[in-house]
PDB file of all heavy atoms in Angstrom:
ATOM      1  N   GLY A   1      31.645 -70.004 -33.753  1.00  0.00           N
ATOM      2  CA  GLY A   1      31.112 -70.220 -32.447  1.00  0.00           C
ATOM      3  C   GLY A   1      32.214 -69.933 -31.384  1.00  0.00           C
ATOM      4  O   GLY A   1      31.959 -69.189 -30.386  1.00  0.00           O
ATOM      5  N   HIS A   2      33.483 -70.309 -31.633  1.00  0.00           N
ATOM      6  CA  HIS A   2      34.609 -70.036 -30.773  1.00  0.00           C
ATOM      7  C   HIS A   2      34.924 -68.553 -30.734  1.00  0.00           C
ATOM      8  O   HIS A   2      35.156 -67.882 -29.777  1.00  0.00           O
ATOM      9  CB  HIS A   2      35.790 -70.762 -31.245  1.00  0.00           C
ATOM     10  CG  HIS A   2      35.694 -72.273 -30.998  1.00  0.00           C
ATOM     11  ND1 HIS A   2      35.098 -72.810 -29.868  1.00  0.00           N
ATOM     12  CD2 HIS A   2      36.134 -73.272 -31.758  1.00  0.00           C
ATOM     13  CE1 HIS A   2      35.141 -74.195 -29.984  1.00  0.00           C
ATOM     14  NE2 HIS A   2      35.776 -74.496 -31.116  1.00  0.00           N
ATOM     15  N   MET A   3      34.771 -67.914 -31.884  1.00  0.00           N
ATOM     16  CA  MET A   3      35.090 -66.433 -32.053  1.00  0.00           C
ATOM     17  C   MET A   3      33.980 -65.628 -31.262  1.00  0.00           C
ATOM     18  O   MET A   3      34.380 -64.648 -30.573  1.00  0.00           O
ATOM     19  CB  MET A   3      35.262 -65.964 -33.492  1.00  0.00           C
ATOM     20  CG  MET A   3      35.698 -64.517 -33.615  1.00  0.00           C
ATOM     21  SD  MET A   3      37.224 -64.114 -32.779  1.00  0.00           S
ATOM     22  CE  MET A   3      38.449 -64.719 -33.978  1.00  0.00           C
ATOM     23  N   LEU A   4      32.733 -65.998 -31.503  1.00  0.00           N
ATOM     24  CA  LEU A   4      31.665 -65.180 -30.853  1.00  0.00           C
ATOM     25  C   LEU A   4      31.839 -65.402 -29.327  1.00  0.00           C
ATOM     26  O   LEU A   4      31.628 -64.504 -28.639  1.00  0.00           O
ATOM     27  CB  LEU A   4      30.347 -65.709 -31.298  1.00  0.00           C
ATOM     28  CG  LEU A   4      30.102 -65.565 -32.777  1.00  0.00           C
ATOM     29  CD1 LEU A   4      28.651 -65.882 -33.092  1.00  0.00           C
ATOM     30  CD2 LEU A   4      30.362 -64.075 -33.302  1.00  0.00           C
ATOM     31  N   ALA A   5      32.174 -66.597 -28.828  1.00  0.00           N
ATOM     32  CA  ALA A   5      32.264 -66.821 -27.431  1.00  0.00           C
ATOM     33  C   ALA A   5      33.490 -66.037 -26.836  1.00  0.00           C
ATOM     34  O   ALA A   5      33.441 -65.471 -25.795  1.00  0.00           O
ATOM     35  CB  ALA A   5      32.461 -68.372 -27.129  1.00  0.00           C
ATOM     36  N   ALA A   6      34.590 -65.947 -27.709  1.00  0.00           N
ATOM     37  CA  ALA A   6      35.739 -65.175 -27.344  1.00  0.00           C
ATOM     38  C   ALA A   6      35.374 -63.712 -27.229  1.00  0.00           C
ATOM     39  O   ALA A   6      35.857 -63.044 -26.248  1.00  0.00           O
ATOM     40  CB  ALA A   6      36.949 -65.369 -28.209  1.00  0.00           C
ATOM     41  N   ILE A   7      34.600 -63.200 -28.104  1.00  0.00           N
ATOM     42  CA  ILE A   7      34.200 -61.788 -28.095  1.00  0.00           C
ATOM     43  C   ILE A   7      33.463 -61.486 -26.885  1.00  0.00           C
ATOM     44  O   ILE A   7      33.604 -60.530 -26.131  1.00  0.00           O
ATOM     45  CB  ILE A   7      33.347 -61.505 -29.324  1.00  0.00           C
ATOM     46  CG1 ILE A   7      34.231 -61.437 -30.606  1.00  0.00           C
ATOM     47  CG2 ILE A   7      32.554 -60.221 -29.239  1.00  0.00           C
ATOM     48  CD1 ILE A   7      33.424 -61.453 -31.903  1.00  0.00           C
ATOM     49  N   ASP A   8      32.536 -62.411 -26.493  1.00  0.00           N
ATOM     50  CA  ASP A   8      31.730 -62.344 -25.231  1.00  0.00           C
ATOM     51  C   ASP A   8      32.601 -62.360 -23.995  1.00  0.00           C
ATOM     52  O   ASP A   8      32.345 -61.620 -23.053  1.00  0.00           O
ATOM     53  CB  ASP A   8      30.624 -63.324 -25.191  1.00  0.00           C
ATOM     54  CG  ASP A   8      29.438 -63.040 -26.226  1.00  0.00           C
ATOM     55  OD1 ASP A   8      29.443 -61.839 -26.739  1.00  0.00           O
ATOM     56  OD2 ASP A   8      28.651 -63.901 -26.396  1.00  0.00           O
ATOM     57  N   GLU A   9      33.582 -63.261 -24.029  1.00  0.00           N
ATOM     58  CA  GLU A   9      34.467 -63.422 -22.859  1.00  0.00           C
ATOM     59  C   GLU A   9      35.239 -62.109 -22.651  1.00  0.00           C
ATOM     60  O   GLU A   9      35.449 -61.687 -21.494  1.00  0.00           O
ATOM     61  CB  GLU A   9      35.422 -64.562 -23.072  1.00  0.00           C
ATOM     62  CG  GLU A   9      34.827 -65.904 -22.922  1.00  0.00           C
ATOM     63  CD  GLU A   9      35.705 -67.063 -23.234  1.00  0.00           C
ATOM     64  OE1 GLU A   9      36.907 -66.809 -23.694  1.00  0.00           O
ATOM     65  OE2 GLU A   9      35.296 -68.210 -23.144  1.00  0.00           O
ATOM     66  N   VAL A  10      35.769 -61.506 -23.700  1.00  0.00           N
ATOM     67  CA  VAL A  10      36.547 -60.261 -23.524  1.00  0.00           C
ATOM     68  C   VAL A  10      35.678 -59.072 -23.077  1.00  0.00           C
ATOM     69  O   VAL A  10      36.060 -58.266 -22.390  1.00  0.00           O
ATOM     70  CB  VAL A  10      37.192 -59.888 -24.907  1.00  0.00           C
ATOM     71  CG1 VAL A  10      37.920 -58.497 -24.794  1.00  0.00           C
ATOM     72  CG2 VAL A  10      38.198 -60.968 -25.317  1.00  0.00           C
ATOM     73  N   GLY A  11      34.290 -59.116 -23.345  1.00  0.00           N
ATOM     74  CA  GLY A  11      33.405 -58.169 -22.843  1.00  0.00           C
ATOM     75  C   GLY A  11      33.393 -56.850 -23.642  1.00  0.00           C
ATOM     76  O   GLY A  11      33.286 -55.781 -23.004  1.00  0.00           O
ATOM     77  N   PHE A  12      33.581 -56.880 -24.881  1.00  0.00           N
ATOM     78  CA  PHE A  12      33.455 -55.719 -25.709  1.00  0.00           C
ATOM     79  C   PHE A  12      32.145 -55.026 -25.501  1.00  0.00           C
ATOM     80  O   PHE A  12      31.118 -55.683 -25.565  1.00  0.00           O
ATOM     81  CB  PHE A  12      33.724 -56.131 -27.250  1.00  0.00           C
ATOM     82  CG  PHE A  12      35.052 -56.477 -27.537  1.00  0.00           C
ATOM     83  CD1 PHE A  12      35.405 -57.801 -27.673  1.00  0.00           C
ATOM     84  CD2 PHE A  12      36.125 -55.507 -27.836  1.00  0.00           C
ATOM     85  CE1 PHE A  12      36.668 -58.293 -28.073  1.00  0.00           C
ATOM     86  CE2 PHE A  12      37.395 -55.855 -28.190  1.00  0.00           C
ATOM     87  CZ  PHE A  12      37.689 -57.289 -28.254  1.00  0.00           C
ATOM     88  N   ALA A  13      32.178 -53.711 -25.448  1.00  0.00           N
ATOM     89  CA  ALA A  13      30.951 -52.948 -25.372  1.00  0.00           C
ATOM     90  C   ALA A  13      30.372 -52.646 -26.805  1.00  0.00           C
ATOM     91  O   ALA A  13      31.116 -52.712 -27.771  1.00  0.00           O
ATOM     92  CB  ALA A  13      31.138 -51.599 -24.619  1.00  0.00           C
ATOM     93  N   GLU A  14      29.164 -52.305 -26.839  1.00  0.00           N
ATOM     94  CA  GLU A  14      28.539 -51.815 -28.153  1.00  0.00           C
ATOM     95  C   GLU A  14      29.123 -50.436 -28.434  1.00  0.00           C
ATOM     96  O   GLU A  14      29.451 -49.710 -27.576  1.00  0.00           O
ATOM     97  CB  GLU A  14      27.042 -51.844 -28.032  1.00  0.00           C
ATOM     98  CG  GLU A  14      26.336 -53.096 -27.866  1.00  0.00           C
ATOM     99  CD  GLU A  14      26.564 -54.047 -29.037  1.00  0.00           C
ATOM    100  OE1 GLU A  14      26.998 -53.628 -30.086  1.00  0.00           O
ATOM    101  OE2 GLU A  14      26.300 -55.298 -28.793  1.00  0.00           O
ATOM    102  N   PRO A  15      29.284 -50.167 -29.701  1.00  0.00           N
ATOM    103  CA  PRO A  15      29.017 -50.974 -30.872  1.00  0.00           C
ATOM    104  C   PRO A  15      30.033 -51.863 -31.359  1.00  0.00           C
ATOM    105  O   PRO A  15      29.865 -52.587 -32.371  1.00  0.00           O
ATOM    106  CB  PRO A  15      28.714 -49.774 -31.917  1.00  0.00           C
ATOM    107  CG  PRO A  15      29.760 -48.757 -31.558  1.00  0.00           C
ATOM    108  CD  PRO A  15      29.750 -48.803 -30.063  1.00  0.00           C
ATOM    109  N   VAL A  16      31.193 -51.970 -30.600  1.00  0.00           N
ATOM    110  CA  VAL A  16      32.213 -52.797 -30.999  1.00  0.00           C
ATOM    111  C   VAL A  16      31.782 -54.299 -31.101  1.00  0.00           C
ATOM    112  O   VAL A  16      32.044 -55.033 -31.994  1.00  0.00           O
ATOM    113  CB  VAL A  16      33.455 -52.647 -30.018  1.00  0.00           C
ATOM    114  CG1 VAL A  16      34.518 -53.645 -30.329  1.00  0.00           C
ATOM    115  CG2 VAL A  16      33.986 -51.248 -29.991  1.00  0.00           C
ATOM    116  N   ARG A  17      31.169 -54.777 -30.039  1.00  0.00           N
ATOM    117  CA  ARG A  17      30.644 -56.155 -29.945  1.00  0.00           C
ATOM    118  C   ARG A  17      29.842 -56.559 -31.168  1.00  0.00           C
ATOM    119  O   ARG A  17      30.211 -57.528 -31.794  1.00  0.00           O
ATOM    120  CB  ARG A  17      29.776 -56.336 -28.697  1.00  0.00           C
ATOM    121  CG  ARG A  17      29.354 -57.871 -28.538  1.00  0.00           C
ATOM    122  CD  ARG A  17      28.426 -57.963 -27.322  1.00  0.00           C
ATOM    123  NE  ARG A  17      27.934 -59.286 -27.189  1.00  0.00           N
ATOM    124  CZ  ARG A  17      26.807 -59.817 -27.731  1.00  0.00           C
ATOM    125  NH1 ARG A  17      26.034 -59.064 -28.407  1.00  0.00           N
ATOM    126  NH2 ARG A  17      26.543 -61.062 -27.501  1.00  0.00           N
ATOM    127  N   SER A  18      28.843 -55.781 -31.597  1.00  0.00           N
ATOM    128  CA  SER A  18      28.081 -56.041 -32.765  1.00  0.00           C
ATOM    129  C   SER A  18      28.948 -56.034 -34.020  1.00  0.00           C
ATOM    130  O   SER A  18      28.815 -56.939 -34.910  1.00  0.00           O
ATOM    131  CB  SER A  18      26.932 -55.170 -32.909  1.00  0.00           C
ATOM    132  OG  SER A  18      25.983 -55.390 -31.910  1.00  0.00           O
ATOM    133  N   ALA A  19      29.766 -55.102 -34.232  1.00  0.00           N
ATOM    134  CA  ALA A  19      30.628 -54.991 -35.358  1.00  0.00           C
ATOM    135  C   ALA A  19      31.526 -56.190 -35.425  1.00  0.00           C
ATOM    136  O   ALA A  19      31.645 -56.769 -36.603  1.00  0.00           O
ATOM    137  CB  ALA A  19      31.487 -53.765 -35.370  1.00  0.00           C
ATOM    138  N   LEU A  20      32.110 -56.666 -34.447  1.00  0.00           N
ATOM    139  CA  LEU A  20      32.969 -57.800 -34.427  1.00  0.00           C
ATOM    140  C   LEU A  20      32.166 -59.026 -34.848  1.00  0.00           C
ATOM    141  O   LEU A  20      32.502 -59.834 -35.615  1.00  0.00           O
ATOM    142  CB  LEU A  20      33.645 -58.011 -33.076  1.00  0.00           C
ATOM    143  CG  LEU A  20      34.723 -56.966 -32.592  1.00  0.00           C
ATOM    144  CD1 LEU A  20      35.179 -57.230 -31.271  1.00  0.00           C
ATOM    145  CD2 LEU A  20      35.863 -56.945 -33.571  1.00  0.00           C
ATOM    146  N   ARG A  21      31.159 -59.195 -34.124  1.00  0.00           N
ATOM    147  CA  ARG A  21      30.221 -60.412 -34.394  1.00  0.00           C
ATOM    148  C   ARG A  21      29.856 -60.411 -35.844  1.00  0.00           C
ATOM    149  O   ARG A  21      29.769 -61.521 -36.496  1.00  0.00           O
ATOM    150  CB  ARG A  21      29.051 -60.448 -33.416  1.00  0.00           C
ATOM    151  CG  ARG A  21      29.464 -60.709 -31.972  1.00  0.00           C
ATOM    152  CD  ARG A  21      28.285 -60.622 -31.007  1.00  0.00           C
ATOM    153  NE  ARG A  21      27.254 -61.760 -31.257  1.00  0.00           N
ATOM    154  CZ  ARG A  21      27.335 -62.910 -30.667  1.00  0.00           C
ATOM    155  NH1 ARG A  21      28.318 -63.134 -29.853  1.00  0.00           N
ATOM    156  NH2 ARG A  21      26.515 -63.833 -30.945  1.00  0.00           N
ATOM    157  N   GLU A  22      29.284 -59.330 -36.355  1.00  0.00           N
ATOM    158  CA  GLU A  22      28.835 -59.349 -37.744  1.00  0.00           C
ATOM    159  C   GLU A  22      29.929 -59.592 -38.702  1.00  0.00           C
ATOM    160  O   GLU A  22      29.759 -60.407 -39.643  1.00  0.00           O
ATOM    161  CB  GLU A  22      28.225 -58.000 -38.031  1.00  0.00           C
ATOM    162  CG  GLU A  22      26.892 -57.735 -37.359  1.00  0.00           C
ATOM    163  CD  GLU A  22      26.449 -56.355 -37.490  1.00  0.00           C
ATOM    164  OE1 GLU A  22      26.944 -55.448 -38.359  1.00  0.00           O
ATOM    165  OE2 GLU A  22      25.592 -55.962 -36.637  1.00  0.00           O
ATOM    166  N   TYR A  23      31.160 -59.022 -38.513  1.00  0.00           N
ATOM    167  CA  TYR A  23      32.287 -59.422 -39.398  1.00  0.00           C
ATOM    168  C   TYR A  23      32.626 -60.899 -39.375  1.00  0.00           C
ATOM    169  O   TYR A  23      32.808 -61.461 -40.365  1.00  0.00           O
ATOM    170  CB  TYR A  23      33.497 -58.447 -39.091  1.00  0.00           C
ATOM    171  CG  TYR A  23      34.680 -59.000 -39.840  1.00  0.00           C
ATOM    172  CD1 TYR A  23      34.765 -58.754 -41.170  1.00  0.00           C
ATOM    173  CD2 TYR A  23      35.642 -59.889 -39.239  1.00  0.00           C
ATOM    174  CE1 TYR A  23      35.754 -59.306 -41.916  1.00  0.00           C
ATOM    175  CE2 TYR A  23      36.594 -60.411 -40.011  1.00  0.00           C
ATOM    176  CZ  TYR A  23      36.751 -60.012 -41.359  1.00  0.00           C
ATOM    177  OH  TYR A  23      37.750 -60.563 -42.130  1.00  0.00           O
ATOM    178  N   PHE A  24      32.829 -61.384 -38.161  1.00  0.00           N
ATOM    179  CA  PHE A  24      33.249 -62.795 -38.038  1.00  0.00           C
ATOM    180  C   PHE A  24      32.252 -63.804 -38.554  1.00  0.00           C
ATOM    181  O   PHE A  24      32.659 -64.827 -39.155  1.00  0.00           O
ATOM    182  CB  PHE A  24      33.713 -63.155 -36.729  1.00  0.00           C
ATOM    183  CG  PHE A  24      35.114 -62.509 -36.362  1.00  0.00           C
ATOM    184  CD1 PHE A  24      35.221 -61.522 -35.417  1.00  0.00           C
ATOM    185  CD2 PHE A  24      36.176 -62.776 -37.120  1.00  0.00           C
ATOM    186  CE1 PHE A  24      36.404 -60.821 -35.141  1.00  0.00           C
ATOM    187  CE2 PHE A  24      37.448 -62.188 -36.828  1.00  0.00           C
ATOM    188  CZ  PHE A  24      37.508 -61.244 -35.800  1.00  0.00           C
ATOM    189  N   GLU A  25      30.999 -63.498 -38.439  1.00  0.00           N
ATOM    190  CA  GLU A  25      29.985 -64.381 -38.962  1.00  0.00           C
ATOM    191  C   GLU A  25      29.984 -64.365 -40.524  1.00  0.00           C
ATOM    192  O   GLU A  25      30.001 -65.341 -41.187  1.00  0.00           O
ATOM    193  CB  GLU A  25      28.578 -64.032 -38.543  1.00  0.00           C
ATOM    194  CG  GLU A  25      28.407 -64.370 -36.984  1.00  0.00           C
ATOM    195  CD  GLU A  25      26.902 -64.329 -36.583  1.00  0.00           C
ATOM    196  OE1 GLU A  25      26.023 -64.534 -37.482  1.00  0.00           O
ATOM    197  OE2 GLU A  25      26.728 -64.019 -35.426  1.00  0.00           O
ATOM    198  N   ARG A  26      30.172 -63.209 -41.064  1.00  0.00           N
ATOM    199  CA  ARG A  26      30.355 -63.036 -42.620  1.00  0.00           C
ATOM    200  C   ARG A  26      31.579 -63.659 -43.062  1.00  0.00           C
ATOM    201  O   ARG A  26      31.651 -64.389 -44.010  1.00  0.00           O
ATOM    202  CB  ARG A  26      30.302 -61.579 -43.023  1.00  0.00           C
ATOM    203  CG  ARG A  26      28.960 -60.955 -43.150  1.00  0.00           C
ATOM    204  CD  ARG A  26      29.030 -59.543 -43.807  1.00  0.00           C
ATOM    205  NE  ARG A  26      30.320 -58.725 -43.622  1.00  0.00           N
ATOM    206  CZ  ARG A  26      30.464 -57.938 -42.685  1.00  0.00           C
ATOM    207  NH1 ARG A  26      29.525 -57.664 -41.756  1.00  0.00           N
ATOM    208  NH2 ARG A  26      31.609 -57.250 -42.650  1.00  0.00           N
ATOM    209  N   ALA A  27      32.693 -63.392 -42.364  1.00  0.00           N
ATOM    210  CA  ALA A  27      34.063 -64.018 -42.870  1.00  0.00           C
ATOM    211  C   ALA A  27      34.056 -65.469 -42.736  1.00  0.00           C
ATOM    212  O   ALA A  27      34.595 -66.116 -43.681  1.00  0.00           O
ATOM    213  CB  ALA A  27      35.102 -63.417 -41.936  1.00  0.00           C
ATOM    214  N   GLY A  28      33.415 -66.136 -41.724  1.00  0.00           N
ATOM    215  CA  GLY A  28      33.300 -67.473 -41.602  1.00  0.00           C
ATOM    216  C   GLY A  28      32.564 -68.041 -42.799  1.00  0.00           C
ATOM    217  O   GLY A  28      33.051 -69.089 -43.328  1.00  0.00           O
ATOM    218  N   THR A  29      31.561 -67.492 -43.155  1.00  0.00           N
ATOM    219  CA  THR A  29      30.751 -68.016 -44.270  1.00  0.00           C
ATOM    220  C   THR A  29      31.557 -67.803 -45.577  1.00  0.00           C
ATOM    221  O   THR A  29      31.478 -68.724 -46.403  1.00  0.00           O
ATOM    222  CB  THR A  29      29.376 -67.237 -44.321  1.00  0.00           C
ATOM    223  OG1 THR A  29      28.738 -67.493 -43.142  1.00  0.00           O
ATOM    224  CG2 THR A  29      28.518 -67.758 -45.576  1.00  0.00           C
ATOM    225  N   PHE A  30      32.153 -66.717 -45.746  1.00  0.00           N
ATOM    226  CA  PHE A  30      32.993 -66.479 -46.895  1.00  0.00           C
ATOM    227  C   PHE A  30      34.098 -67.472 -47.219  1.00  0.00           C
ATOM    228  O   PHE A  30      34.405 -67.774 -48.280  1.00  0.00           O
ATOM    229  CB  PHE A  30      33.593 -65.049 -46.770  1.00  0.00           C
ATOM    230  CG  PHE A  30      34.426 -64.583 -47.926  1.00  0.00           C
ATOM    231  CD1 PHE A  30      34.014 -64.369 -49.183  1.00  0.00           C
ATOM    232  CD2 PHE A  30      35.867 -64.484 -47.681  1.00  0.00           C
ATOM    233  CE1 PHE A  30      34.879 -63.967 -50.155  1.00  0.00           C
ATOM    234  CE2 PHE A  30      36.698 -64.081 -48.650  1.00  0.00           C
ATOM    235  CZ  PHE A  30      36.268 -63.824 -49.997  1.00  0.00           C
ATOM    236  N   LEU A  31      34.572 -68.056 -46.084  1.00  0.00           N
ATOM    237  CA  LEU A  31      35.706 -68.987 -46.181  1.00  0.00           C
ATOM    238  C   LEU A  31      35.252 -70.431 -46.428  1.00  0.00           C
ATOM    239  O   LEU A  31      36.170 -71.266 -46.637  1.00  0.00           O
ATOM    240  CB  LEU A  31      36.624 -68.844 -44.896  1.00  0.00           C
ATOM    241  CG  LEU A  31      37.265 -67.562 -44.801  1.00  0.00           C
ATOM    242  CD1 LEU A  31      38.060 -67.519 -43.541  1.00  0.00           C
ATOM    243  CD2 LEU A  31      38.255 -67.274 -45.987  1.00  0.00           C
ATOM    244  N   ILE A  32      34.027 -70.724 -46.440  1.00  0.00           N
ATOM    245  CA  ILE A  32      33.552 -72.076 -46.786  1.00  0.00           C
ATOM    246  C   ILE A  32      34.054 -72.426 -48.178  1.00  0.00           C
ATOM    247  O   ILE A  32      33.716 -71.679 -49.143  1.00  0.00           O
ATOM    248  CB  ILE A  32      32.015 -72.220 -46.606  1.00  0.00           C
ATOM    249  CG1 ILE A  32      31.582 -72.039 -45.116  1.00  0.00           C
ATOM    250  CG2 ILE A  32      31.528 -73.577 -47.182  1.00  0.00           C
ATOM    251  CD1 ILE A  32      30.087 -72.049 -44.914  1.00  0.00           C
ATOM    252  N   ASN A  33      34.661 -73.519 -48.271  1.00  0.00           N
ATOM    253  CA  ASN A  33      35.139 -73.939 -49.612  1.00  0.00           C
ATOM    254  C   ASN A  33      34.819 -75.422 -49.906  1.00  0.00           C
ATOM    255  O   ASN A  33      35.437 -75.926 -50.882  1.00  0.00           O
ATOM    256  CB  ASN A  33      36.677 -73.733 -49.725  1.00  0.00           C
ATOM    257  CG  ASN A  33      37.524 -74.489 -48.710  1.00  0.00           C
ATOM    258  OD1 ASN A  33      37.007 -75.510 -48.140  1.00  0.00           O
ATOM    259  ND2 ASN A  33      38.716 -73.993 -48.423  1.00  0.00           N
ATOM    260  N   HIS A  34      33.972 -76.021 -49.038  1.00  0.00           N
ATOM    261  CA  HIS A  34      33.591 -77.367 -49.289  1.00  0.00           C
ATOM    262  C   HIS A  34      32.144 -77.616 -48.927  1.00  0.00           C
ATOM    263  O   HIS A  34      31.717 -77.198 -47.786  1.00  0.00           O
ATOM    264  CB  HIS A  34      34.531 -78.240 -48.321  1.00  0.00           C
ATOM    265  CG  HIS A  34      34.187 -79.716 -48.421  1.00  0.00           C
ATOM    266  ND1 HIS A  34      34.591 -80.503 -49.451  1.00  0.00           N
ATOM    267  CD2 HIS A  34      33.461 -80.532 -47.575  1.00  0.00           C
ATOM    268  CE1 HIS A  34      34.143 -81.708 -49.271  1.00  0.00           C
ATOM    269  NE2 HIS A  34      33.425 -81.736 -48.159  1.00  0.00           N
ATOM    270  N   GLN A  35      31.427 -78.112 -49.760  1.00  0.00           N
ATOM    271  CA  GLN A  35      30.039 -78.441 -49.631  1.00  0.00           C
ATOM    272  C   GLN A  35      29.825 -79.898 -49.471  1.00  0.00           C
ATOM    273  O   GLN A  35      30.268 -80.699 -50.238  1.00  0.00           O
ATOM    274  CB  GLN A  35      29.121 -77.863 -50.794  1.00  0.00           C
ATOM    275  CG  GLN A  35      29.258 -76.432 -51.060  1.00  0.00           C
ATOM    276  CD  GLN A  35      28.779 -75.537 -49.945  1.00  0.00           C
ATOM    277  OE1 GLN A  35      27.807 -75.886 -49.264  1.00  0.00           O
ATOM    278  NE2 GLN A  35      29.420 -74.406 -49.664  1.00  0.00           N
ATOM    279  N   ALA A  36      29.061 -80.261 -48.382  1.00  0.00           N
ATOM    280  CA  ALA A  36      28.690 -81.625 -48.185  1.00  0.00           C
ATOM    281  C   ALA A  36      27.798 -82.119 -49.405  1.00  0.00           C
ATOM    282  O   ALA A  36      27.038 -81.390 -49.892  1.00  0.00           O
ATOM    283  CB  ALA A  36      27.884 -81.859 -46.962  1.00  0.00           C
ATOM    284  N   GLN A  37      28.006 -83.306 -49.808  1.00  0.00           N
ATOM    285  CA  GLN A  37      27.295 -83.922 -50.846  1.00  0.00           C
ATOM    286  C   GLN A  37      25.855 -84.457 -50.367  1.00  0.00           C
ATOM    287  O   GLN A  37      25.751 -85.246 -49.394  1.00  0.00           O
ATOM    288  CB  GLN A  37      27.847 -85.160 -51.447  1.00  0.00           C
ATOM    289  CG  GLN A  37      29.249 -84.832 -52.041  1.00  0.00           C
ATOM    290  CD  GLN A  37      29.130 -84.043 -53.314  1.00  0.00           C
ATOM    291  OE1 GLN A  37      28.183 -84.121 -54.024  1.00  0.00           O
ATOM    292  NE2 GLN A  37      30.137 -83.227 -53.485  1.00  0.00           N
TER     293      GLN A  37
END
């Protein structure tokens, strides 16, 4: 959420904006190493 907000604050134009958003959403999920019981 912080990264996506920062991307929007910087004002990246397309296709950069979408590429950044897609990468950081995937990377954030990839780094999950703890599951709630």
